[in-house]
Amino acid sequence: MTTPARTRRQADPGRAQAPPRRGRPAGAPAGVGAPDGAPGAVAPGDAAAIPLATPATRRIRVAVVGRPNAGKSTLINTLLGEERLIAFDQPGTTRDAVAIDFEKAGRPYTLIDTAGVRRRGKVTDMIEKFSVVKTLQAIEDCNVCVLMLDAIEGVAEQDANIAGYILEAGRALVVAVNKWDLLEGPERERLKSEFDRKLHFLRFAKLHMISAKSGMGVGALMRSVDEAYAAAMRKLPTPKLTRALQEAVERQQPPRRGPVRPKLRYAHQGGQNPPIVVIHGSALDNVPETYRRYLETWFREQFSLSGTPLRIEFRSGPNPYADS
């Protein structure tokens, strides 16, 4: 008796099966995996027909964030070349996060306009509270954040708070100082000094002086967005990471704490967006924060990780002599 063709296909373990369609795995960083229907998602049976997305063609999600009236909507309108979003010289015009697909030089982006975030004590309206939640969600879901500062208003404490949200989420970052063309020479120097003093922890991010209204500096800003995304998604091979770790230790060993000096043996990559470097060794609980920062700076320089936070995790192996 002849087995039907359908039964033969199901019973043949050697035949390649089309992968099931899946969204982003739980716990995966934003930008890893494609949701159903998004660019890069492949329906069952179409794997041979549709090429896989590469880092150069994958859509980059860019969230523009900042305080109210910093020029976020104006920047997106300038990039789009049309008045797609309402831009008004009054804080609170944007109430919800708005995502718009956009292409520049053949590269696809999704631009996300967000509501301005004021200090917590000033947020009393329920609609505004909802807007802040949507902005924080946009930061979590994007690949790169553009932090907009208002050159006229200067660097405020709330700018540092928003930057803290971005760092906590581990997102790549580019800083744009808007309305730069409205400042004179002495005012520009004062603002640069203020930025270095209040936002010194953002030295890894590129800083751009722009005019969202006229388009001045916007092209360079988007090139930095591309570079920050590339750094956030960079693959760090284990042999190169371990070699860089050994060179860092040769240059400066971790300080001894009591009778024990931490031993850093090898490193591998534990994630992307942000890049995570996992270091294995012994007595790593004794590594001080200053040495962690030294390693962050070292790895950032060795692998050109400009524009993205970098996280380092220490994992100590069991001591074979602990019970002896």
C-alpha atoms as a PDB file:
ATOM      1  CA  MET A   1       0.000   0.000   0.000  1.00  0.00           C
ATOM      2  CA  THR A   2       1.458   3.423  -0.995  1.00  0.00           C
ATOM      3  CA  THR A   3       1.812   6.039   1.735  1.00  0.00           C
ATOM      4  CA  PRO A   4       0.140   9.350   0.767  1.00  0.00           C
ATOM      5  CA  ALA A   5       2.507  12.200  -0.105  1.00  0.00           C
ATOM      6  CA  ARG A   6       1.337  14.278   2.892  1.00  0.00           C
ATOM      7  CA  THR A   7       2.152  11.449   5.291  1.00  0.00           C
ATOM      8  CA  ARG A   8       5.570  10.887   3.729  1.00  0.00           C
ATOM      9  CA  ARG A   9       6.507  14.570   4.192  1.00  0.00           C
ATOM     10  CA  GLN A  10       5.519  14.551   7.840  1.00  0.00           C
ATOM     11  CA  ALA A  11       7.371  11.306   8.501  1.00  0.00           C
ATOM     12  CA  ASP A  12      10.594  12.373   6.771  1.00  0.00           C
ATOM     13  CA  PRO A  13      12.896  13.705   9.555  1.00  0.00           C
ATOM     14  CA  GLY A  14      15.597  14.703   7.064  1.00  0.00           C
ATOM     15  CA  ARG A  15      13.493  17.320   5.267  1.00  0.00           C
ATOM     16  CA  ALA A  16      14.205  20.899   6.332  1.00  0.00           C
ATOM     17  CA  GLN A  17      11.232  22.612   7.946  1.00  0.00           C
ATOM     18  CA  ALA A  18      10.476  26.348   7.669  1.00  0.00           C
ATOM     19  CA  PRO A  19      11.093  28.054  11.024  1.00  0.00           C
ATOM     20  CA  PRO A  20       7.987  29.149  12.968  1.00  0.00           C
ATOM     21  CA  ARG A  21       7.223  32.862  12.954  1.00  0.00           C
ATOM     22  CA  ARG A  22       8.159  34.428  16.244  1.00  0.00           C
ATOM     23  CA  GLY A  23       8.307  37.879  17.794  1.00  0.00           C
ATOM     24  CA  ARG A  24      10.991  39.153  20.121  1.00  0.00           C
ATOM     25  CA  PRO A  25      11.897  36.506  22.711  1.00  0.00           C
ATOM     26  CA  ALA A  26      10.962  37.321  26.290  1.00  0.00           C
ATOM     27  CA  GLY A  27      13.721  39.304  27.927  1.00  0.00           C
ATOM     28  CA  ALA A  28      15.530  39.998  24.638  1.00  0.00           C
ATOM     29  CA  PRO A  29      16.820  43.538  24.102  1.00  0.00           C
ATOM     30  CA  ALA A  30      14.853  45.904  21.901  1.00  0.00           C
ATOM     31  CA  GLY A  31      15.802  45.430  18.273  1.00  0.00           C
ATOM     32  CA  VAL A  32      16.456  41.664  18.578  1.00  0.00           C
ATOM     33  CA  GLY A  33      13.916  39.571  16.692  1.00  0.00           C
ATOM     34  CA  ALA A  34      11.109  40.890  14.503  1.00  0.00           C
ATOM     35  CA  PRO A  35       7.417  40.955  15.503  1.00  0.00           C
ATOM     36  CA  ASP A  36       4.843  39.438  13.165  1.00  0.00           C
ATOM     37  CA  GLY A  37       4.280  41.669  10.153  1.00  0.00           C
ATOM     38  CA  ALA A  38       7.313  43.875  10.860  1.00  0.00           C
ATOM     39  CA  PRO A  39      10.248  44.230   8.463  1.00  0.00           C
ATOM     40  CA  GLY A  40      12.359  41.078   8.802  1.00  0.00           C
ATOM     41  CA  ALA A  41       9.447  38.826   9.882  1.00  0.00           C
ATOM     42  CA  VAL A  42       9.192  35.743   7.652  1.00  0.00           C
ATOM     43  CA  ALA A  43       6.026  33.716   7.261  1.00  0.00           C
ATOM     44  CA  PRO A  44       6.287  29.894   7.270  1.00  0.00           C
ATOM     45  CA  GLY A  45       7.360  28.608   3.864  1.00  0.00           C
ATOM     46  CA  ASP A  46       8.743  31.978   2.716  1.00  0.00           C
ATOM     47  CA  ALA A  47      12.248  31.649   4.193  1.00  0.00           C
ATOM     48  CA  ALA A  48      13.813  31.005   0.799  1.00  0.00           C
ATOM     49  CA  ALA A  49      11.961  33.874  -0.875  1.00  0.00           C
ATOM     50  CA  ILE A  50      12.747  36.694   1.582  1.00  0.00           C
ATOM     51  CA  PRO A  51      16.368  37.537   2.492  1.00  0.00           C
ATOM     52  CA  LEU A  52      17.237  37.848   6.163  1.00  0.00           C
ATOM     53  CA  ALA A  53      17.594  41.399   7.497  1.00  0.00           C
ATOM     54  CA  THR A  54      21.180  42.538   7.946  1.00  0.00           C
ATOM     55  CA  PRO A  55      22.415  45.227  10.380  1.00  0.00           C
ATOM     56  CA  ALA A  56      22.549  47.644   7.409  1.00  0.00           C
ATOM     57  CA  THR A  57      18.905  47.026   6.414  1.00  0.00           C
ATOM     58  CA  ARG A  58      17.256  46.397   9.790  1.00  0.00           C
ATOM     59  CA  ARG A  59      14.882  49.212  10.776  1.00  0.00           C
ATOM     60  CA  ILE A  60      16.354  51.354  13.545  1.00  0.00           C
ATOM     61  CA  ARG A  61      13.919  52.596  16.182  1.00  0.00           C
ATOM     62  CA  VAL A  62      14.925  56.130  17.213  1.00  0.00           C
ATOM     63  CA  ALA A  63      13.142  57.785  20.151  1.00  0.00           C
ATOM     64  CA  VAL A  64      13.457  61.577  20.418  1.00  0.00           C
ATOM     65  CA  VAL A  65      13.132  62.496  24.092  1.00  0.00           C
ATOM     66  CA  GLY A  66      13.611  65.544  26.289  1.00  0.00           C
ATOM     67  CA  ARG A  67      11.872  68.217  28.316  1.00  0.00           C
ATOM     68  CA  PRO A  68       8.772  69.985  26.976  1.00  0.00           C
ATOM     69  CA  ASN A  69       9.303  72.475  24.129  1.00  0.00           C
ATOM     70  CA  ALA A  70      12.844  71.276  23.350  1.00  0.00           C
ATOM     71  CA  GLY A  71      12.033  70.889  19.631  1.00  0.00           C
ATOM     72  CA  LYS A  72      11.419  67.138  19.355  1.00  0.00           C
ATOM     73  CA  SER A  73       8.502  67.343  16.921  1.00  0.00           C
ATOM     74  CA  THR A  74      10.282  70.019  14.887  1.00  0.00           C
ATOM     75  CA  LEU A  75      13.319  67.758  14.471  1.00  0.00           C
ATOM     76  CA  ILE A  76      11.181  64.893  13.185  1.00  0.00           C
ATOM     77  CA  ASN A  77       9.310  67.198  10.781  1.00  0.00           C
ATOM     78  CA  THR A  78      12.658  68.401   9.423  1.00  0.00           C
ATOM     79  CA  LEU A  79      13.848  64.821   8.905  1.00  0.00           C
ATOM     80  CA  LEU A  80      10.591  63.912   7.152  1.00  0.00           C
ATOM     81  CA  GLY A  81      10.672  67.045   4.993  1.00  0.00           C
ATOM     82  CA  GLU A  82       7.055  67.853   5.807  1.00  0.00           C
ATOM     83  CA  GLU A  83       4.866  69.078   8.670  1.00  0.00           C
ATOM     84  CA  ARG A  84       3.690  65.629   9.746  1.00  0.00           C
ATOM     85  CA  LEU A  85       3.601  66.413  13.478  1.00  0.00           C
ATOM     86  CA  ILE A  86       2.112  69.408  15.253  1.00  0.00           C
ATOM     87  CA  ALA A  87       4.970  71.625  16.407  1.00  0.00           C
ATOM     88  CA  PHE A  88       3.911  74.602  18.525  1.00  0.00           C
ATOM     89  CA  ASP A  89       5.930  76.972  20.699  1.00  0.00           C
ATOM     90  CA  GLN A  90       4.158  75.853  23.846  1.00  0.00           C
ATOM     91  CA  PRO A  91       5.013  72.964  26.181  1.00  0.00           C
ATOM     92  CA  GLY A  92       2.703  69.954  26.200  1.00  0.00           C
ATOM     93  CA  THR A  93       1.719  69.950  22.517  1.00  0.00           C
ATOM     94  CA  THR A  94       2.681  66.262  22.152  1.00  0.00           C
ATOM     95  CA  ARG A  95       0.710  64.014  24.507  1.00  0.00           C
ATOM     96  CA  ASP A  96       1.425  60.507  23.201  1.00  0.00           C
ATOM     97  CA  ALA A  97       4.356  58.668  21.632  1.00  0.00           C
ATOM     98  CA  VAL A  98       3.939  58.724  17.836  1.00  0.00           C
ATOM     99  CA  ALA A  99       5.941  56.304  15.642  1.00  0.00           C
ATOM    100  CA  ILE A 100       6.598  57.180  11.984  1.00  0.00           C
ATOM    101  CA  ASP A 101       8.503  55.060   9.458  1.00  0.00           C
ATOM    102  CA  PHE A 102      11.150  56.966   7.542  1.00  0.00           C
ATOM    103  CA  GLU A 103      14.021  56.308   5.117  1.00  0.00           C
ATOM    104  CA  LYS A 104      17.260  58.260   4.718  1.00  0.00           C
ATOM    105  CA  ALA A 105      19.917  57.320   2.142  1.00  0.00           C
ATOM    106  CA  GLY A 106      18.207  53.945   1.674  1.00  0.00           C
ATOM    107  CA  ARG A 107      18.295  53.081   5.381  1.00  0.00           C
ATOM    108  CA  PRO A 108      14.962  52.461   7.179  1.00  0.00           C
ATOM    109  CA  TYR A 109      14.153  54.058  10.524  1.00  0.00           C
ATOM    110  CA  THR A 110      11.176  54.376  12.822  1.00  0.00           C
ATOM    111  CA  LEU A 111      11.139  57.830  14.405  1.00  0.00           C
ATOM    112  CA  ILE A 112       9.293  58.079  17.722  1.00  0.00           C
ATOM    113  CA  ASP A 113       8.109  61.493  18.864  1.00  0.00           C
ATOM    114  CA  THR A 114       7.514  61.565  22.622  1.00  0.00           C
ATOM    115  CA  ALA A 115       5.858  63.834  25.138  1.00  0.00           C
ATOM    116  CA  GLY A 116       8.129  66.171  27.074  1.00  0.00           C
ATOM    117  CA  VAL A 117       9.006  64.954  30.579  1.00  0.00           C
ATOM    118  CA  ARG A 118       8.776  67.472  33.413  1.00  0.00           C
ATOM    119  CA  ARG A 119       9.932  67.076  37.008  1.00  0.00           C
ATOM    120  CA  ARG A 120       7.828  64.583  38.943  1.00  0.00           C
ATOM    121  CA  GLY A 121       6.579  67.231  41.377  1.00  0.00           C
ATOM    122  CA  LYS A 122       5.083  69.257  38.514  1.00  0.00           C
ATOM    123  CA  VAL A 123       3.212  66.325  36.951  1.00  0.00           C
ATOM    124  CA  THR A 124      -0.278  66.329  38.479  1.00  0.00           C
ATOM    125  CA  ASP A 125      -2.605  65.883  35.503  1.00  0.00           C
ATOM    126  CA  MET A 126      -3.538  62.226  34.818  1.00  0.00           C
ATOM    127  CA  ILE A 127      -3.139  62.692  31.050  1.00  0.00           C
ATOM    128  CA  GLU A 128       0.374  64.032  31.568  1.00  0.00           C
ATOM    129  CA  LYS A 129       1.216  61.101  33.840  1.00  0.00           C
ATOM    130  CA  PHE A 130       0.066  58.750  31.093  1.00  0.00           C
ATOM    131  CA  SER A 131       2.230  60.674  28.609  1.00  0.00           C
ATOM    132  CA  VAL A 132       5.306  60.228  30.825  1.00  0.00           C
ATOM    133  CA  VAL A 133       4.665  56.475  31.047  1.00  0.00           C
ATOM    134  CA  LYS A 134       4.425  56.268  27.242  1.00  0.00           C
ATOM    135  CA  THR A 135       7.712  58.181  26.915  1.00  0.00           C
ATOM    136  CA  LEU A 136       9.481  55.774  29.282  1.00  0.00           C
ATOM    137  CA  GLN A 137       8.054  52.847  27.296  1.00  0.00           C
ATOM    138  CA  ALA A 138       9.378  54.412  24.084  1.00  0.00           C
ATOM    139  CA  ILE A 139      12.851  54.577  25.652  1.00  0.00           C
ATOM    140  CA  GLU A 140      12.643  50.894  26.598  1.00  0.00           C
ATOM    141  CA  ASP A 141      11.452  49.842  23.128  1.00  0.00           C
ATOM    142  CA  CYS A 142      13.845  51.865  20.970  1.00  0.00           C
ATOM    143  CA  ASN A 143      17.384  51.115  19.767  1.00  0.00           C
ATOM    144  CA  VAL A 144      18.772  54.670  19.943  1.00  0.00           C
ATOM    145  CA  CYS A 145      17.634  57.695  21.939  1.00  0.00           C
ATOM    146  CA  VAL A 146      18.182  61.272  20.805  1.00  0.00           C
ATOM    147  CA  LEU A 147      18.210  63.404  23.952  1.00  0.00           C
ATOM    148  CA  MET A 148      17.121  66.935  22.999  1.00  0.00           C
ATOM    149  CA  LEU A 149      18.397  69.832  25.088  1.00  0.00           C
ATOM    150  CA  ASP A 150      17.143  73.410  24.800  1.00  0.00           C
ATOM    151  CA  ALA A 151      20.086  75.775  24.325  1.00  0.00           C
ATOM    152  CA  ILE A 152      17.996  78.747  25.512  1.00  0.00           C
ATOM    153  CA  GLU A 153      16.918  77.040  28.740  1.00  0.00           C
ATOM    154  CA  GLY A 154      20.328  75.477  29.426  1.00  0.00           C
ATOM    155  CA  VAL A 155      20.991  72.125  31.075  1.00  0.00           C
ATOM    156  CA  ALA A 156      18.456  71.437  33.820  1.00  0.00           C
ATOM    157  CA  GLU A 157      18.299  68.779  36.511  1.00  0.00           C
ATOM    158  CA  GLN A 158      15.461  67.123  34.611  1.00  0.00           C
ATOM    159  CA  ASP A 159      17.756  66.614  31.596  1.00  0.00           C
ATOM    160  CA  ALA A 160      20.028  64.567  33.870  1.00  0.00           C
ATOM    161  CA  ASN A 161      17.017  62.596  35.124  1.00  0.00           C
ATOM    162  CA  ILE A 162      15.929  61.728  31.578  1.00  0.00           C
ATOM    163  CA  ALA A 163      19.502  60.733  30.734  1.00  0.00           C
ATOM    164  CA  GLY A 164      19.394  58.468  33.784  1.00  0.00           C
ATOM    165  CA  TYR A 165      16.292  56.723  32.411  1.00  0.00           C
ATOM    166  CA  ILE A 166      18.112  56.118  29.129  1.00  0.00           C
ATOM    167  CA  LEU A 167      21.192  54.696  30.848  1.00  0.00           C
ATOM    168  CA  GLU A 168      19.065  52.463  33.069  1.00  0.00           C
ATOM    169  CA  ALA A 169      17.364  51.074  29.956  1.00  0.00           C
ATOM    170  CA  GLY A 170      20.793  50.555  28.371  1.00  0.00           C
ATOM    171  CA  ARG A 171      19.926  52.346  25.152  1.00  0.00           C
ATOM    172  CA  ALA A 172      22.385  53.871  22.716  1.00  0.00           C
ATOM    173  CA  LEU A 173      22.405  57.656  22.922  1.00  0.00           C
ATOM    174  CA  VAL A 174      23.081  60.787  20.885  1.00  0.00           C
ATOM    175  CA  VAL A 175      22.719  64.226  22.492  1.00  0.00           C
ATOM    176  CA  ALA A 176      21.383  67.164  20.454  1.00  0.00           C
ATOM    177  CA  VAL A 177      21.502  70.753  21.724  1.00  0.00           C
ATOM    178  CA  ASN A 178      18.710  72.492  19.819  1.00  0.00           C
ATOM    179  CA  LYS A 179      18.379  76.239  19.034  1.00  0.00           C
ATOM    180  CA  TRP A 180      22.167  76.552  18.966  1.00  0.00           C
ATOM    181  CA  ASP A 181      21.911  79.218  16.262  1.00  0.00           C
ATOM    182  CA  LEU A 182      20.155  81.547  18.731  1.00  0.00           C
ATOM    183  CA  LEU A 183      23.167  81.735  21.084  1.00  0.00           C
ATOM    184  CA  GLU A 184      26.132  84.103  20.885  1.00  0.00           C
ATOM    185  CA  GLY A 185      29.765  83.167  21.527  1.00  0.00           C
ATOM    186  CA  PRO A 186      29.956  83.635  25.350  1.00  0.00           C
ATOM    187  CA  GLU A 187      26.591  81.917  25.836  1.00  0.00           C
ATOM    188  CA  ARG A 188      27.775  78.946  23.788  1.00  0.00           C
ATOM    189  CA  GLU A 189      30.890  78.534  25.939  1.00  0.00           C
ATOM    190  CA  ARG A 190      28.788  78.776  29.098  1.00  0.00           C
ATOM    191  CA  LEU A 191      26.446  76.044  27.845  1.00  0.00           C
ATOM    192  CA  LYS A 192      29.340  73.714  26.928  1.00  0.00           C
ATOM    193  CA  SER A 193      30.787  74.150  30.411  1.00  0.00           C
ATOM    194  CA  GLU A 194      27.356  73.493  31.950  1.00  0.00           C
ATOM    195  CA  PHE A 195      26.978  70.308  29.907  1.00  0.00           C
ATOM    196  CA  ASP A 196      30.392  69.002  30.990  1.00  0.00           C
ATOM    197  CA  ARG A 197      29.557  69.699  34.628  1.00  0.00           C
ATOM    198  CA  LYS A 198      25.977  68.391  34.846  1.00  0.00           C
ATOM    199  CA  LEU A 199      26.032  65.595  32.249  1.00  0.00           C
ATOM    200  CA  HIS A 200      29.626  64.387  32.623  1.00  0.00           C
ATOM    201  CA  PHE A 201      28.374  60.776  32.785  1.00  0.00           C
ATOM    202  CA  LEU A 202      27.326  61.036  29.107  1.00  0.00           C
ATOM    203  CA  ARG A 203      30.856  61.413  27.768  1.00  0.00           C
ATOM    204  CA  PHE A 204      30.441  58.189  25.789  1.00  0.00           C
ATOM    205  CA  ALA A 205      27.706  59.844  23.669  1.00  0.00           C
ATOM    206  CA  LYS A 206      28.235  62.127  20.665  1.00  0.00           C
ATOM    207  CA  LEU A 207      27.164  65.751  21.228  1.00  0.00           C
ATOM    208  CA  HIS A 208      25.680  67.784  18.350  1.00  0.00           C
ATOM    209  CA  MET A 209      24.781  71.467  18.209  1.00  0.00           C
ATOM    210  CA  ILE A 210      21.779  71.743  15.896  1.00  0.00           C
ATOM    211  CA  SER A 211      18.867  73.847  14.754  1.00  0.00           C
ATOM    212  CA  ALA A 212      15.869  71.561  14.281  1.00  0.00           C
ATOM    213  CA  LYS A 213      13.990  74.370  12.528  1.00  0.00           C
ATOM    214  CA  SER A 214      16.601  75.174   9.872  1.00  0.00           C
ATOM    215  CA  GLY A 215      18.118  71.689   9.644  1.00  0.00           C
ATOM    216  CA  MET A 216      21.597  72.803  10.705  1.00  0.00           C
ATOM    217  CA  GLY A 217      23.598  69.811  11.962  1.00  0.00           C
ATOM    218  CA  VAL A 218      20.772  67.305  11.460  1.00  0.00           C
ATOM    219  CA  GLY A 219      22.671  65.243   8.874  1.00  0.00           C
ATOM    220  CA  ALA A 220      25.639  64.770  11.207  1.00  0.00           C
ATOM    221  CA  LEU A 221      23.215  63.907  14.001  1.00  0.00           C
ATOM    222  CA  MET A 222      21.731  61.020  11.984  1.00  0.00           C
ATOM    223  CA  ARG A 223      25.217  59.724  11.113  1.00  0.00           C
ATOM    224  CA  SER A 224      25.919  59.541  14.839  1.00  0.00           C
ATOM    225  CA  VAL A 225      22.616  57.664  15.314  1.00  0.00           C
ATOM    226  CA  ASP A 226      23.867  55.064  12.804  1.00  0.00           C
ATOM    227  CA  GLU A 227      27.230  54.803  14.582  1.00  0.00           C
ATOM    228  CA  ALA A 228      25.614  54.447  18.011  1.00  0.00           C
ATOM    229  CA  TYR A 229      23.312  51.709  16.713  1.00  0.00           C
ATOM    230  CA  ALA A 230      26.242  49.855  15.121  1.00  0.00           C
ATOM    231  CA  ALA A 231      28.165  50.021  18.405  1.00  0.00           C
ATOM    232  CA  ALA A 232      25.174  48.810  20.428  1.00  0.00           C
ATOM    233  CA  MET A 233      24.694  45.802  18.130  1.00  0.00           C
ATOM    234  CA  ARG A 234      28.402  45.009  17.635  1.00  0.00           C
ATOM    235  CA  LYS A 235      29.477  41.371  18.021  1.00  0.00           C
ATOM    236  CA  LEU A 236      32.478  40.924  20.316  1.00  0.00           C
ATOM    237  CA  PRO A 237      34.296  37.614  19.699  1.00  0.00           C
ATOM    238  CA  THR A 238      35.350  35.727  22.838  1.00  0.00           C
ATOM    239  CA  PRO A 239      39.057  35.402  21.836  1.00  0.00           C
ATOM    240  CA  LYS A 240      39.353  39.158  21.220  1.00  0.00           C
ATOM    241  CA  LEU A 241      37.500  40.001  24.440  1.00  0.00           C
ATOM    242  CA  THR A 242      39.720  37.685  26.460  1.00  0.00           C
ATOM    243  CA  ARG A 243      42.855  39.081  24.842  1.00  0.00           C
ATOM    244  CA  ALA A 244      41.703  42.646  25.597  1.00  0.00           C
ATOM    245  CA  LEU A 245      40.956  41.619  29.202  1.00  0.00           C
ATOM    246  CA  GLN A 246      44.446  40.152  29.622  1.00  0.00           C
ATOM    247  CA  GLU A 247      46.010  43.353  28.241  1.00  0.00           C
ATOM    248  CA  ALA A 248      43.936  45.462  30.644  1.00  0.00           C
ATOM    249  CA  VAL A 249      45.066  43.349  33.613  1.00  0.00           C
ATOM    250  CA  GLU A 250      48.704  43.540  32.492  1.00  0.00           C
ATOM    251  CA  ARG A 251      48.455  47.329  32.386  1.00  0.00           C
ATOM    252  CA  GLN A 252      46.713  47.560  35.763  1.00  0.00           C
ATOM    253  CA  GLN A 253      45.859  44.667  38.065  1.00  0.00           C
ATOM    254  CA  PRO A 254      42.751  44.819  40.251  1.00  0.00           C
ATOM    255  CA  PRO A 255      43.607  45.988  43.775  1.00  0.00           C
ATOM    256  CA  ARG A 256      44.083  43.403  46.509  1.00  0.00           C
ATOM    257  CA  ARG A 257      41.388  43.300  49.162  1.00  0.00           C
ATOM    258  CA  GLY A 258      42.770  41.623  52.265  1.00  0.00           C
ATOM    259  CA  PRO A 259      44.874  38.552  51.439  1.00  0.00           C
ATOM    260  CA  VAL A 260      43.082  37.894  48.130  1.00  0.00           C
ATOM    261  CA  ARG A 261      43.573  39.572  44.773  1.00  0.00           C
ATOM    262  CA  PRO A 262      40.732  39.039  42.239  1.00  0.00           C
ATOM    263  CA  LYS A 263      41.785  36.944  39.241  1.00  0.00           C
ATOM    264  CA  LEU A 264      40.153  37.774  35.881  1.00  0.00           C
ATOM    265  CA  ARG A 265      40.561  34.761  33.577  1.00  0.00           C
ATOM    266  CA  TYR A 266      38.434  35.184  30.422  1.00  0.00           C
ATOM    267  CA  ALA A 267      35.522  37.171  29.003  1.00  0.00           C
ATOM    268  CA  HIS A 268      32.658  36.664  26.555  1.00  0.00           C
ATOM    269  CA  GLN A 269      29.747  38.722  25.255  1.00  0.00           C
ATOM    270  CA  GLY A 270      26.510  38.308  27.160  1.00  0.00           C
ATOM    271  CA  GLY A 271      24.173  40.527  25.116  1.00  0.00           C
ATOM    272  CA  GLN A 272      23.639  43.438  22.740  1.00  0.00           C
ATOM    273  CA  ASN A 273      21.871  46.796  22.901  1.00  0.00           C
ATOM    274  CA  PRO A 274      23.552  47.389  25.299  1.00  0.00           C
ATOM    275  CA  PRO A 275      26.719  45.321  24.856  1.00  0.00           C
ATOM    276  CA  ILE A 276      27.324  43.154  27.924  1.00  0.00           C
ATOM    277  CA  VAL A 277      30.779  41.788  28.728  1.00  0.00           C
ATOM    278  CA  VAL A 278      30.768  38.822  31.136  1.00  0.00           C
ATOM    279  CA  ILE A 279      34.074  38.288  32.943  1.00  0.00           C
ATOM    280  CA  HIS A 280      34.846  34.970  34.640  1.00  0.00           C
ATOM    281  CA  GLY A 281      37.404  34.423  37.364  1.00  0.00           C
ATOM    282  CA  SER A 282      37.788  34.050  41.091  1.00  0.00           C
ATOM    283  CA  ALA A 283      37.157  36.420  44.022  1.00  0.00           C
ATOM    284  CA  LEU A 284      35.436  38.826  41.633  1.00  0.00           C
ATOM    285  CA  ASP A 285      33.095  40.017  44.377  1.00  0.00           C
ATOM    286  CA  ASN A 286      36.093  41.987  45.600  1.00  0.00           C
ATOM    287  CA  VAL A 287      36.516  44.012  42.397  1.00  0.00           C
ATOM    288  CA  PRO A 288      35.895  47.695  43.305  1.00  0.00           C
ATOM    289  CA  GLU A 289      33.702  50.019  41.269  1.00  0.00           C
ATOM    290  CA  THR A 290      36.721  52.078  40.186  1.00  0.00           C
ATOM    291  CA  TYR A 291      38.247  49.031  38.502  1.00  0.00           C
ATOM    292  CA  ARG A 292      34.936  48.227  36.796  1.00  0.00           C
ATOM    293  CA  ARG A 293      34.945  51.735  35.311  1.00  0.00           C
ATOM    294  CA  TYR A 294      38.551  51.251  34.205  1.00  0.00           C
ATOM    295  CA  LEU A 295      37.532  48.071  32.351  1.00  0.00           C
ATOM    296  CA  GLU A 296      34.522  49.819  30.773  1.00  0.00           C
ATOM    297  CA  THR A 297      36.769  52.552  29.410  1.00  0.00           C
ATOM    298  CA  TRP A 298      39.298  49.998  28.182  1.00  0.00           C
ATOM    299  CA  PHE A 299      36.768  47.818  26.346  1.00  0.00           C
ATOM    300  CA  ARG A 300      35.061  50.899  24.896  1.00  0.00           C
ATOM    301  CA  GLU A 301      38.357  52.077  23.395  1.00  0.00           C
ATOM    302  CA  GLN A 302      39.423  48.634  22.159  1.00  0.00           C
ATOM    303  CA  PHE A 303      36.129  47.899  20.367  1.00  0.00           C
ATOM    304  CA  SER A 304      35.065  51.437  19.331  1.00  0.00           C
ATOM    305  CA  LEU A 305      31.881  51.360  21.413  1.00  0.00           C
ATOM    306  CA  SER A 306      31.083  55.061  21.131  1.00  0.00           C
ATOM    307  CA  GLY A 307      27.481  56.083  21.677  1.00  0.00           C
ATOM    308  CA  THR A 308      26.294  53.087  23.715  1.00  0.00           C
ATOM    309  CA  PRO A 309      26.343  52.198  27.396  1.00  0.00           C
ATOM    310  CA  LEU A 310      28.491  49.183  28.237  1.00  0.00           C
ATOM    311  CA  ARG A 311      27.710  46.760  31.034  1.00  0.00           C
ATOM    312  CA  ILE A 312      30.213  44.480  32.730  1.00  0.00           C
ATOM    313  CA  GLU A 313      29.164  41.442  34.750  1.00  0.00           C
ATOM    314  CA  PHE A 314      31.521  39.474  37.011  1.00  0.00           C
ATOM    315  CA  ARG A 315      31.017  35.748  37.574  1.00  0.00           C
ATOM    316  CA  SER A 316      33.180  33.960  40.104  1.00  0.00           C
ATOM    317  CA  GLY A 317      33.761  30.245  39.778  1.00  0.00           C
ATOM    318  CA  PRO A 318      33.650  27.940  42.825  1.00  0.00           C
ATOM    319  CA  ASN A 319      36.811  27.739  44.910  1.00  0.00           C
ATOM    320  CA  PRO A 320      38.043  24.073  44.789  1.00  0.00           C
ATOM    321  CA  TYR A 321      39.884  24.565  48.107  1.00  0.00           C
ATOM    322  CA  ALA A 322      36.970  26.104  49.986  1.00  0.00           C
ATOM    323  CA  ASP A 323      36.134  22.884  51.893  1.00  0.00           C
ATOM    324  CA  SER A 324      39.705  21.646  52.353  1.00  0.00           C
END
